């Protein structure tokens, strides 16, 4: 996990991670995997936008490559989540807790 950052003037959260084990990462990067962020202070969930012309704003692949960095963009309506706050990123069965937004 490289970090979760505010992006697009605070209206998006940019989550970056590097694949170490492609076999394990394949499940996280497949299309249709449930991916969202939980704001730890309130329990509110934010999701990946899915614009009709470009599709979900996240990396997907059936063949992840070790050492490559992948991304997920989450909506942050109203700039609800701010820098310094803690969130949990959920990708399928994987939960990454207590991540500080930068």
Protein backbone atom coordinates (compact mmCIF):
# COMPACT_ATOMS: atom_id res chain seq x y z
CA UNK A 1 0.00 0.00 0.00
CA UNK A 2 1.52 3.29 -1.07
CA UNK A 3 -1.12 5.64 0.32
CA UNK A 4 -4.48 7.31 0.03
CA UNK A 5 -4.46 10.93 -1.09
CA UNK A 6 -6.92 13.74 -1.68
CA UNK A 7 -7.23 14.53 -5.38
CA UNK A 8 -9.36 16.68 -7.72
CA UNK A 9 -9.55 19.61 -5.28
CA UNK A 10 -10.61 17.20 -2.51
CA UNK A 11 -13.58 15.69 -4.38
CA UNK A 12 -11.79 12.37 -4.96
CA UNK A 13 -9.61 10.00 -2.94
CA UNK A 14 -6.71 8.45 -4.86
CA UNK A 15 -5.64 5.07 -3.43
CA UNK A 16 -2.35 3.65 -4.76
CA UNK A 17 -0.93 0.21 -4.10
CA UNK A 18 1.89 -1.91 -5.47
CA UNK A 19 1.36 -5.58 -6.30
CA UNK A 20 3.78 -7.94 -4.57
CA UNK A 21 2.03 -11.28 -5.22
CA UNK A 22 0.16 -11.35 -8.57
CA UNK A 23 -1.78 -14.51 -7.65
CA UNK A 24 -3.30 -12.86 -4.57
CA UNK A 25 -3.79 -9.51 -6.32
CA UNK A 26 -5.74 -11.10 -9.19
CA UNK A 27 -8.82 -11.36 -6.96
CA UNK A 28 -8.58 -7.68 -5.96
CA UNK A 29 -8.11 -6.44 -9.52
CA UNK A 30 -10.89 -8.38 -11.22
CA UNK A 31 -13.90 -6.58 -12.61
CA UNK A 32 -16.86 -6.58 -10.25
CA UNK A 33 -14.83 -6.79 -7.03
CA UNK A 34 -16.51 -4.75 -4.26
CA UNK A 35 -14.32 -1.76 -3.46
CA UNK A 36 -15.14 1.11 -1.11
CA UNK A 37 -13.79 3.34 1.67
CA UNK A 38 -15.22 3.64 5.18
CA UNK A 39 -14.73 6.95 7.00
CA UNK A 40 -13.73 5.66 10.44
CA UNK A 41 -15.14 8.57 12.45
CA UNK A 42 -18.67 8.26 11.04
CA UNK A 43 -18.92 4.88 9.32
CA UNK A 44 -19.95 6.58 6.07
CA UNK A 45 -18.98 4.71 2.92
CA UNK A 46 -17.75 6.23 -0.33
CA UNK A 47 -17.55 4.29 -3.57
CA UNK A 48 -15.79 4.18 -6.93
CA UNK A 49 -17.51 6.40 -9.52
CA UNK A 50 -18.71 4.56 -12.62
CA UNK A 51 -19.18 7.08 -15.46
CA UNK A 52 -21.01 5.51 -18.44
CA UNK A 53 -18.38 6.39 -21.06
CA UNK A 54 -15.24 5.29 -19.18
CA UNK A 55 -16.48 2.80 -16.57
CA UNK A 56 -15.23 2.38 -12.99
CA UNK A 57 -12.34 4.66 -12.04
CA UNK A 58 -10.00 1.90 -10.90
CA UNK A 59 -7.39 -0.47 -12.28
CA UNK A 60 -8.63 -3.87 -13.38
CA UNK A 61 -6.70 -6.70 -14.99
CA UNK A 62 -6.75 -10.46 -15.20
CA UNK A 63 -2.95 -10.62 -15.18
CA UNK A 64 -1.46 -8.38 -12.45
CA UNK A 65 2.27 -7.72 -12.66
CA UNK A 66 4.54 -7.85 -9.62
CA UNK A 67 6.07 -4.46 -8.84
CA UNK A 68 3.47 -2.46 -10.77
CA UNK A 69 1.45 0.26 -9.03
CA UNK A 70 -2.34 0.18 -9.42
CA UNK A 71 -4.97 2.76 -8.44
CA UNK A 72 -8.54 3.22 -7.27
CA UNK A 73 -10.32 6.59 -7.31
CA UNK A 74 -13.15 7.05 -4.81
CA UNK A 75 -15.79 9.78 -4.88
CA UNK A 76 -15.59 12.22 -1.97
CA UNK A 77 -18.83 14.20 -2.33
CA UNK A 78 -18.79 17.55 -0.60
CA UNK A 79 -15.15 16.91 0.37
CA UNK A 80 -16.54 14.96 3.33
CA UNK A 81 -13.24 13.18 4.06
CA UNK A 82 -10.35 15.55 4.79
CA UNK A 83 -6.57 15.19 5.01
CA UNK A 84 -5.45 13.72 8.32
CA UNK A 85 -8.62 11.69 8.88
CA UNK A 86 -8.52 7.90 9.08
CA UNK A 87 -10.27 5.54 6.67
CA UNK A 88 -10.57 1.83 5.95
CA UNK A 89 -10.19 0.63 2.36
CA UNK A 90 -12.20 -2.50 1.54
CA UNK A 91 -11.36 -4.54 -1.57
CA UNK A 92 -13.34 -7.77 -1.60
CA UNK A 93 -12.35 -9.64 1.58
CA UNK A 94 -9.29 -7.44 2.19
CA UNK A 95 -9.63 -4.64 4.76
CA UNK A 96 -6.88 -2.06 5.19
CA UNK A 97 -7.73 -0.21 8.39
CA UNK A 98 -6.62 3.06 9.97
CA UNK A 99 -5.11 4.61 6.83
CA UNK A 100 -4.40 8.31 7.22
CA UNK A 101 -5.59 10.41 4.26
CA UNK A 102 -2.83 12.67 2.94
